[in-house]
Amino acid sequence: MRAGGGKTSIIIIIFIITIIIIIIIIIIIIIIIIIMSAMSACQLFGNLGRKISSSSGDHREGAFLFRRVSVLVQRFNAVL
């Protein structure tokens, strides 16, 4: 065994741990972005549902909109 073999393996382990930590941070950032965009979509459909409800006079229009979008997403996912 060479004299520098122990130091090299420690450096490799530290490098691998650093890469794993970076990957975890990236995954957390992606999850936060997805959650933020989902909240924005809910706010968008909520506002749109309120506007449709106020113009039509039917307070259930917001729920109908959510249901229609949900069915569309399920159909799209079934095709994939």
PDB file of N, CA and C in Angstrom:
ATOM      1  N   MET A   1       0.842  -1.178   0.000  1.00  0.00           N
ATOM      2  CA  MET A   1       0.000   0.000   0.000  1.00  0.00           C
ATOM      3  C   MET A   1       0.884   1.237   0.000  1.00  0.00           C
ATOM      4  N   ARG A   2       0.460   2.212  -0.765  1.00  0.00           N
ATOM      5  CA  ARG A   2       1.253   3.435  -0.856  1.00  0.00           C
ATOM      6  C   ARG A   2       0.993   4.342   0.344  1.00  0.00           C
ATOM      7  N   ALA A   3       1.909   5.240   0.578  1.00  0.00           N
ATOM      8  CA  ALA A   3       1.822   6.099   1.753  1.00  0.00           C
ATOM      9  C   ALA A   3       0.640   7.063   1.678  1.00  0.00           C
ATOM     10  N   GLY A   4       0.265   7.549   0.481  1.00  0.00           N
ATOM     11  CA  GLY A   4      -0.812   8.526   0.347  1.00  0.00           C
ATOM     12  C   GLY A   4      -2.172   7.900   0.134  1.00  0.00           C
ATOM     13  N   GLY A   5      -2.296   6.588   0.190  1.00  0.00           N
ATOM     14  CA  GLY A   5      -3.560   5.897  -0.082  1.00  0.00           C
ATOM     15  C   GLY A   5      -4.662   6.252   0.886  1.00  0.00           C
ATOM     16  N   GLY A   6      -4.356   6.414   2.159  1.00  0.00           N
ATOM     17  CA  GLY A   6      -5.367   6.748   3.163  1.00  0.00           C
ATOM     18  C   GLY A   6      -5.929   8.138   2.964  1.00  0.00           C
ATOM     19  N   LYS A   7      -5.051   9.088   2.640  1.00  0.00           N
ATOM     20  CA  LYS A   7      -5.502  10.464   2.408  1.00  0.00           C
ATOM     21  C   LYS A   7      -6.378  10.539   1.163  1.00  0.00           C
ATOM     22  N   THR A   8      -6.041   9.774   0.133  1.00  0.00           N
ATOM     23  CA  THR A   8      -6.813   9.789  -1.106  1.00  0.00           C
ATOM     24  C   THR A   8      -8.215   9.251  -0.867  1.00  0.00           C
ATOM     25  N   SER A   9      -8.335   8.190  -0.107  1.00  0.00           N
ATOM     26  CA  SER A   9      -9.667   7.629   0.152  1.00  0.00           C
ATOM     27  C   SER A   9     -10.505   8.576   0.999  1.00  0.00           C
ATOM     28  N   ILE A  10      -9.893   9.291   1.928  1.00  0.00           N
ATOM     29  CA  ILE A  10     -10.633  10.264   2.733  1.00  0.00           C
ATOM     30  C   ILE A  10     -11.121  11.407   1.852  1.00  0.00           C
ATOM     31  N   ILE A  11     -10.289  11.858   0.936  1.00  0.00           N
ATOM     32  CA  ILE A  11     -10.678  12.934   0.025  1.00  0.00           C
ATOM     33  C   ILE A  11     -11.835  12.476  -0.864  1.00  0.00           C
ATOM     34  N   ILE A  12     -11.784  11.251  -1.336  1.00  0.00           N
ATOM     35  CA  ILE A  12     -12.858  10.721  -2.173  1.00  0.00           C
ATOM     36  C   ILE A  12     -14.158  10.629  -1.380  1.00  0.00           C
ATOM     37  N   ILE A  13     -14.087  10.188  -0.136  1.00  0.00           N
ATOM     38  CA  ILE A  13     -15.283  10.094   0.709  1.00  0.00           C
ATOM     39  C   ILE A  13     -15.871  11.476   0.958  1.00  0.00           C
ATOM     40  N   ILE A  14     -15.031  12.446   1.245  1.00  0.00           N
ATOM     41  CA  ILE A  14     -15.502  13.818   1.461  1.00  0.00           C
ATOM     42  C   ILE A  14     -16.139  14.364   0.191  1.00  0.00           C
ATOM     43  N   PHE A  15     -15.533  14.069  -0.957  1.00  0.00           N
ATOM     44  CA  PHE A  15     -16.079  14.516  -2.239  1.00  0.00           C
ATOM     45  C   PHE A  15     -17.456  13.901  -2.488  1.00  0.00           C
ATOM     46  N   ILE A  16     -17.610  12.610  -2.209  1.00  0.00           N
ATOM     47  CA  ILE A  16     -18.895  11.929  -2.409  1.00  0.00           C
ATOM     48  C   ILE A  16     -19.947  12.491  -1.465  1.00  0.00           C
ATOM     49  N   ILE A  17     -19.587  12.732  -0.222  1.00  0.00           N
ATOM     50  CA  ILE A  17     -20.533  13.309   0.741  1.00  0.00           C
ATOM     51  C   ILE A  17     -20.956  14.708   0.295  1.00  0.00           C
ATOM     52  N   THR A  18     -20.012  15.484  -0.216  1.00  0.00           N
ATOM     53  CA  THR A  18     -20.325  16.825  -0.713  1.00  0.00           C
ATOM     54  C   THR A  18     -21.293  16.757  -1.888  1.00  0.00           C
ATOM     55  N   ILE A  19     -21.068  15.838  -2.810  1.00  0.00           N
ATOM     56  CA  ILE A  19     -21.964  15.673  -3.957  1.00  0.00           C
ATOM     57  C   ILE A  19     -23.363  15.276  -3.480  1.00  0.00           C
ATOM     58  N   ILE A  20     -23.453  14.362  -2.519  1.00  0.00           N
ATOM     59  CA  ILE A  20     -24.752  13.936  -1.988  1.00  0.00           C
ATOM     60  C   ILE A  20     -25.477  15.112  -1.342  1.00  0.00           C
ATOM     61  N   ILE A  21     -24.770  15.931  -0.580  1.00  0.00           N
ATOM     62  CA  ILE A  21     -25.378  17.101   0.059  1.00  0.00           C
ATOM     63  C   ILE A  21     -25.875  18.080  -0.992  1.00  0.00           C
ATOM     64  N   ILE A  22     -25.117  18.297  -2.042  1.00  0.00           N
ATOM     65  CA  ILE A  22     -25.536  19.201  -3.119  1.00  0.00           C
ATOM     66  C   ILE A  22     -26.792  18.666  -3.802  1.00  0.00           C
ATOM     67  N   ILE A  23     -26.849  17.370  -4.049  1.00  0.00           N
ATOM     68  CA  ILE A  23     -28.029  16.769  -4.675  1.00  0.00           C
ATOM     69  C   ILE A  23     -29.246  16.927  -3.775  1.00  0.00           C
ATOM     70  N   ILE A  24     -29.087  16.731  -2.480  1.00  0.00           N
ATOM     71  CA  ILE A  24     -30.200  16.892  -1.533  1.00  0.00           C
ATOM     72  C   ILE A  24     -30.696  18.336  -1.537  1.00  0.00           C
ATOM     73  N   ILE A  25     -29.781  19.286  -1.556  1.00  0.00           N
ATOM     74  CA  ILE A  25     -30.161  20.704  -1.592  1.00  0.00           C
ATOM     75  C   ILE A  25     -30.928  21.021  -2.872  1.00  0.00           C
ATOM     76  N   ILE A  26     -30.476  20.494  -3.998  1.00  0.00           N
ATOM     77  CA  ILE A  26     -31.167  20.723  -5.266  1.00  0.00           C
ATOM     78  C   ILE A  26     -32.566  20.131  -5.230  1.00  0.00           C
ATOM     79  N   ILE A  27     -32.710  18.936  -4.670  1.00  0.00           N
ATOM     80  CA  ILE A  27     -34.034  18.306  -4.567  1.00  0.00           C
ATOM     81  C   ILE A  27     -34.952  19.144  -3.683  1.00  0.00           C
ATOM     82  N   ILE A  28     -34.439  19.661  -2.582  1.00  0.00           N
ATOM     83  CA  ILE A  28     -35.247  20.505  -1.692  1.00  0.00           C
ATOM     84  C   ILE A  28     -35.689  21.771  -2.419  1.00  0.00           C
ATOM     85  N   ILE A  29     -34.801  22.371  -3.184  1.00  0.00           N
ATOM     86  CA  ILE A  29     -35.149  23.580  -3.938  1.00  0.00           C
ATOM     87  C   ILE A  29     -36.231  23.270  -4.968  1.00  0.00           C
ATOM     88  N   ILE A  30     -36.113  22.142  -5.651  1.00  0.00           N
ATOM     89  CA  ILE A  30     -37.128  21.753  -6.639  1.00  0.00           C
ATOM     90  C   ILE A  30     -38.477  21.535  -5.964  1.00  0.00           C
ATOM     91  N   ILE A  31     -38.480  20.890  -4.811  1.00  0.00           N
ATOM     92  CA  ILE A  31     -39.733  20.659  -4.079  1.00  0.00           C
ATOM     93  C   ILE A  31     -40.362  21.986  -3.672  1.00  0.00           C
ATOM     94  N   ILE A  32     -39.555  22.926  -3.205  1.00  0.00           N
ATOM     95  CA  ILE A  32     -40.073  24.242  -2.813  1.00  0.00           C
ATOM     96  C   ILE A  32     -40.671  24.956  -4.016  1.00  0.00           C
ATOM     97  N   ILE A  33     -40.011  24.876  -5.164  1.00  0.00           N
ATOM     98  CA  ILE A  33     -40.529  25.520  -6.381  1.00  0.00           C
ATOM     99  C   ILE A  33     -41.852  24.890  -6.791  1.00  0.00           C
ATOM    100  N   ILE A  34     -41.946  23.566  -6.706  1.00  0.00           N
ATOM    101  CA  ILE A  34     -43.188  22.880  -7.069  1.00  0.00           C
ATOM    102  C   ILE A  34     -44.315  23.279  -6.130  1.00  0.00           C
ATOM    103  N   ILE A  35     -44.023  23.343  -4.834  1.00  0.00           N
ATOM    104  CA  ILE A  35     -45.049  23.730  -3.869  1.00  0.00           C
ATOM    105  C   ILE A  35     -45.506  25.165  -4.111  1.00  0.00           C
ATOM    106  N   MET A  36     -44.559  26.051  -4.387  1.00  0.00           N
ATOM    107  CA  MET A  36     -44.915  27.448  -4.637  1.00  0.00           C
ATOM    108  C   MET A  36     -45.747  27.584  -5.900  1.00  0.00           C
ATOM    109  N   SER A  37     -45.402  26.833  -6.948  1.00  0.00           N
ATOM    110  CA  SER A  37     -46.184  26.934  -8.183  1.00  0.00           C
ATOM    111  C   SER A  37     -47.564  26.321  -7.994  1.00  0.00           C
ATOM    112  N   ALA A  38     -47.666  25.263  -7.189  1.00  0.00           N
ATOM    113  CA  ALA A  38     -48.970  24.660  -6.923  1.00  0.00           C
ATOM    114  C   ALA A  38     -49.849  25.634  -6.151  1.00  0.00           C
ATOM    115  N   MET A  39     -49.271  26.332  -5.194  1.00  0.00           N
ATOM    116  CA  MET A  39     -50.047  27.306  -4.443  1.00  0.00           C
ATOM    117  C   MET A  39     -50.509  28.424  -5.360  1.00  0.00           C
ATOM    118  N   SER A  40     -49.675  28.841  -6.290  1.00  0.00           N
ATOM    119  CA  SER A  40     -50.051  29.890  -7.225  1.00  0.00           C
ATOM    120  C   SER A  40     -51.178  29.415  -8.128  1.00  0.00           C
ATOM    121  N   ALA A  41     -51.120  28.155  -8.554  1.00  0.00           N
ATOM    122  CA  ALA A  41     -52.189  27.611  -9.401  1.00  0.00           C
ATOM    123  C   ALA A  41     -53.506  27.572  -8.626  1.00  0.00           C
ATOM    124  N   CYS A  42     -53.448  27.176  -7.362  1.00  0.00           N
ATOM    125  CA  CYS A  42     -54.668  27.147  -6.538  1.00  0.00           C
ATOM    126  C   CYS A  42     -55.234  28.549  -6.378  1.00  0.00           C
ATOM    127  N   GLN A  43     -54.356  29.517  -6.166  1.00  0.00           N
ATOM    128  CA  GLN A  43     -54.817  30.896  -6.048  1.00  0.00           C
ATOM    129  C   GLN A  43     -55.432  31.381  -7.355  1.00  0.00           C
ATOM    130  N   LEU A  44     -54.808  31.011  -8.482  1.00  0.00           N
ATOM    131  CA  LEU A  44     -55.329  31.411  -9.782  1.00  0.00           C
ATOM    132  C   LEU A  44     -56.725  30.847 -10.004  1.00  0.00           C
ATOM    133  N   PHE A  45     -56.903  29.534  -9.775  1.00  0.00           N
ATOM    134  CA  PHE A  45     -58.206  28.932  -9.980  1.00  0.00           C
ATOM    135  C   PHE A  45     -59.221  29.428  -8.953  1.00  0.00           C
ATOM    136  N   GLY A  46     -58.766  29.730  -7.751  1.00  0.00           N
ATOM    137  CA  GLY A  46     -59.670  30.290  -6.748  1.00  0.00           C
ATOM    138  C   GLY A  46     -60.196  31.653  -7.169  1.00  0.00           C
ATOM    139  N   ASN A  47     -59.280  32.515  -7.626  1.00  0.00           N
ATOM    140  CA  ASN A  47     -59.694  33.843  -8.092  1.00  0.00           C
ATOM    141  C   ASN A  47     -60.597  33.740  -9.314  1.00  0.00           C
ATOM    142  N   LEU A  48     -60.220  32.864 -10.251  1.00  0.00           N
ATOM    143  CA  LEU A  48     -61.024  32.687 -11.457  1.00  0.00           C
ATOM    144  C   LEU A  48     -62.412  32.150 -11.105  1.00  0.00           C
ATOM    145  N   GLY A  49     -62.472  31.194 -10.177  1.00  0.00           N
ATOM    146  CA  GLY A  49     -63.754  30.650  -9.737  1.00  0.00           C
ATOM    147  C   GLY A  49     -64.633  31.705  -9.095  1.00  0.00           C
ATOM    148  N   ARG A  50     -64.030  32.585  -8.285  1.00  0.00           N
ATOM    149  CA  ARG A  50     -64.797  33.666  -7.662  1.00  0.00           C
ATOM    150  C   ARG A  50     -65.355  34.623  -8.709  1.00  0.00           C
ATOM    151  N   LYS A  51     -64.537  34.940  -9.723  1.00  0.00           N
ATOM    152  CA  LYS A  51     -65.006  35.856 -10.771  1.00  0.00           C
ATOM    153  C   LYS A  51     -66.133  35.233 -11.583  1.00  0.00           C
ATOM    154  N   ILE A  52     -65.993  33.943 -11.903  1.00  0.00           N
ATOM    155  CA  ILE A  52     -67.055  33.256 -12.641  1.00  0.00           C
ATOM    156  C   ILE A  52     -68.321  33.192 -11.794  1.00  0.00           C
ATOM    157  N   SER A  53     -68.153  32.915 -10.498  1.00  0.00           N
ATOM    158  CA  SER A  53     -69.314  32.837  -9.602  1.00  0.00           C
ATOM    159  C   SER A  53     -70.026  34.176  -9.501  1.00  0.00           C
ATOM    160  N   SER A  54     -69.249  35.249  -9.416  1.00  0.00           N
ATOM    161  CA  SER A  54     -69.888  36.560  -9.281  1.00  0.00           C
ATOM    162  C   SER A  54     -70.607  36.965 -10.566  1.00  0.00           C
ATOM    163  N   SER A  55     -70.073  36.561 -11.725  1.00  0.00           N
ATOM    164  CA  SER A  55     -70.743  36.937 -12.975  1.00  0.00           C
ATOM    165  C   SER A  55     -71.949  36.048 -13.271  1.00  0.00           C
ATOM    166  N   SER A  56     -71.885  34.772 -12.862  1.00  0.00           N
ATOM    167  CA  SER A  56     -73.001  33.871 -13.159  1.00  0.00           C
ATOM    168  C   SER A  56     -74.054  33.859 -12.051  1.00  0.00           C
ATOM    169  N   GLY A  57     -73.662  34.215 -10.844  1.00  0.00           N
ATOM    170  CA  GLY A  57     -74.590  34.197  -9.723  1.00  0.00           C
ATOM    171  C   GLY A  57     -74.662  32.847  -9.012  1.00  0.00           C
ATOM    172  N   ASP A  58     -73.956  31.838  -9.542  1.00  0.00           N
ATOM    173  CA  ASP A  58     -73.970  30.505  -8.918  1.00  0.00           C
ATOM    174  C   ASP A  58     -72.702  30.346  -8.088  1.00  0.00           C
ATOM    175  N   HIS A  59     -72.853  30.157  -6.786  1.00  0.00           N
ATOM    176  CA  HIS A  59     -71.688  30.074  -5.901  1.00  0.00           C
ATOM    177  C   HIS A  59     -70.905  28.771  -6.070  1.00  0.00           C
ATOM    178  N   ARG A  60     -71.466  27.800  -6.806  1.00  0.00           N
ATOM    179  CA  ARG A  60     -70.787  26.514  -7.002  1.00  0.00           C
ATOM    180  C   ARG A  60     -69.828  26.508  -8.182  1.00  0.00           C
ATOM    181  N   GLU A  61     -69.768  27.596  -8.939  1.00  0.00           N
ATOM    182  CA  GLU A  61     -68.944  27.623 -10.150  1.00  0.00           C
ATOM    183  C   GLU A  61     -67.459  27.381  -9.864  1.00  0.00           C
ATOM    184  N   GLY A  62     -66.964  27.863  -8.736  1.00  0.00           N
ATOM    185  CA  GLY A  62     -65.560  27.625  -8.375  1.00  0.00           C
ATOM    186  C   GLY A  62     -65.278  26.146  -8.193  1.00  0.00           C
ATOM    187  N   ALA A  63     -66.183  25.447  -7.520  1.00  0.00           N
ATOM    188  CA  ALA A  63     -66.028  24.001  -7.330  1.00  0.00           C
ATOM    189  C   ALA A  63     -66.119  23.264  -8.659  1.00  0.00           C
ATOM    190  N   PHE A  64     -67.021  23.725  -9.537  1.00  0.00           N
ATOM    191  CA  PHE A  64     -67.140  23.095 -10.852  1.00  0.00           C
ATOM    192  C   PHE A  64     -65.847  23.262 -11.656  1.00  0.00           C
ATOM    193  N   LEU A  65     -65.258  24.452 -11.548  1.00  0.00           N
ATOM    194  CA  LEU A  65     -64.002  24.704 -12.262  1.00  0.00           C
ATOM    195  C   LEU A  65     -62.902  23.768 -11.768  1.00  0.00           C
ATOM    196  N   PHE A  66     -62.756  23.652 -10.445  1.00  0.00           N
ATOM    197  CA  PHE A  66     -61.752  22.744  -9.886  1.00  0.00           C
ATOM    198  C   PHE A  66     -61.990  21.307 -10.353  1.00  0.00           C
ATOM    199  N   ARG A  67     -63.259  20.903 -10.374  1.00  0.00           N
ATOM    200  CA  ARG A  67     -63.581  19.543 -10.784  1.00  0.00           C
ATOM    201  C   ARG A  67     -63.237  19.313 -12.251  1.00  0.00           C
ATOM    202  N   ARG A  68     -63.550  20.283 -13.110  1.00  0.00           N
ATOM    203  CA  ARG A  68     -63.243  20.136 -14.537  1.00  0.00           C
ATOM    204  C   ARG A  68     -61.746  20.058 -14.777  1.00  0.00           C
ATOM    205  N   VAL A  69     -60.990  20.918 -14.099  1.00  0.00           N
ATOM    206  CA  VAL A  69     -59.531  20.889 -14.253  1.00  0.00           C
ATOM    207  C   VAL A  69     -58.967  19.578 -13.733  1.00  0.00           C
ATOM    208  N   SER A  70     -59.496  19.087 -12.621  1.00  0.00           N
ATOM    209  CA  SER A  70     -59.035  17.819 -12.057  1.00  0.00           C
ATOM    210  C   SER A  70     -59.278  16.670 -13.023  1.00  0.00           C
ATOM    211  N   VAL A  71     -60.451  16.646 -13.652  1.00  0.00           N
ATOM    212  CA  VAL A  71     -60.752  15.581 -14.621  1.00  0.00           C
ATOM    213  C   VAL A  71     -59.833  15.680 -15.823  1.00  0.00           C
ATOM    214  N   LEU A  72     -59.564  16.896 -16.278  1.00  0.00           N
ATOM    215  CA  LEU A  72     -58.655  17.071 -17.416  1.00  0.00           C
ATOM    216  C   LEU A  72     -57.254  16.568 -17.101  1.00  0.00           C
ATOM    217  N   VAL A  73     -56.769  16.868 -15.907  1.00  0.00           N
ATOM    218  CA  VAL A  73     -55.428  16.413 -15.520  1.00  0.00           C
ATOM    219  C   VAL A  73     -55.405  14.890 -15.417  1.00  0.00           C
ATOM    220  N   GLN A  74     -56.455  14.288 -14.860  1.00  0.00           N
ATOM    221  CA  GLN A  74     -56.501  12.827 -14.756  1.00  0.00           C
ATOM    222  C   GLN A  74     -56.549  12.183 -16.130  1.00  0.00           C
ATOM    223  N   ARG A  75     -57.306  12.760 -17.050  1.00  0.00           N
ATOM    224  CA  ARG A  75     -57.358  12.200 -18.413  1.00  0.00           C
ATOM    225  C   ARG A  75     -56.006  12.326 -19.094  1.00  0.00           C
ATOM    226  N   PHE A  76     -55.345  13.462 -18.916  1.00  0.00           N
ATOM    227  CA  PHE A  76     -54.033  13.660 -19.513  1.00  0.00           C
ATOM    228  C   PHE A  76     -53.039  12.646 -18.952  1.00  0.00           C
ATOM    229  N   ASN A  77     -53.066  12.442 -17.637  1.00  0.00           N
ATOM    230  CA  ASN A  77     -52.158  11.480 -17.024  1.00  0.00           C
ATOM    231  C   ASN A  77     -52.457  10.056 -17.477  1.00  0.00           C
ATOM    232  N   ALA A  78     -53.729   9.745 -17.742  1.00  0.00           N
ATOM    233  CA  ALA A  78     -54.083   8.398 -18.212  1.00  0.00           C
ATOM    234  C   ALA A  78     -53.539   8.143 -19.610  1.00  0.00           C
ATOM    235  N   VAL A  79     -53.458   9.191 -20.432  1.00  0.00           N
ATOM    236  CA  VAL A  79     -52.923   9.043 -21.793  1.00  0.00           C
ATOM    237  C   VAL A  79     -51.433   8.769 -21.743  1.00  0.00           C
ATOM    238  N   LEU A  80     -50.753   9.406 -20.803  1.00  0.00           N
ATOM    239  CA  LEU A  80     -49.302   9.203 -20.696  1.00  0.00           C
ATOM    240  C   LEU A  80     -49.043   7.814 -20.222  1.00  0.00           C
TER     241      LEU A  80
END
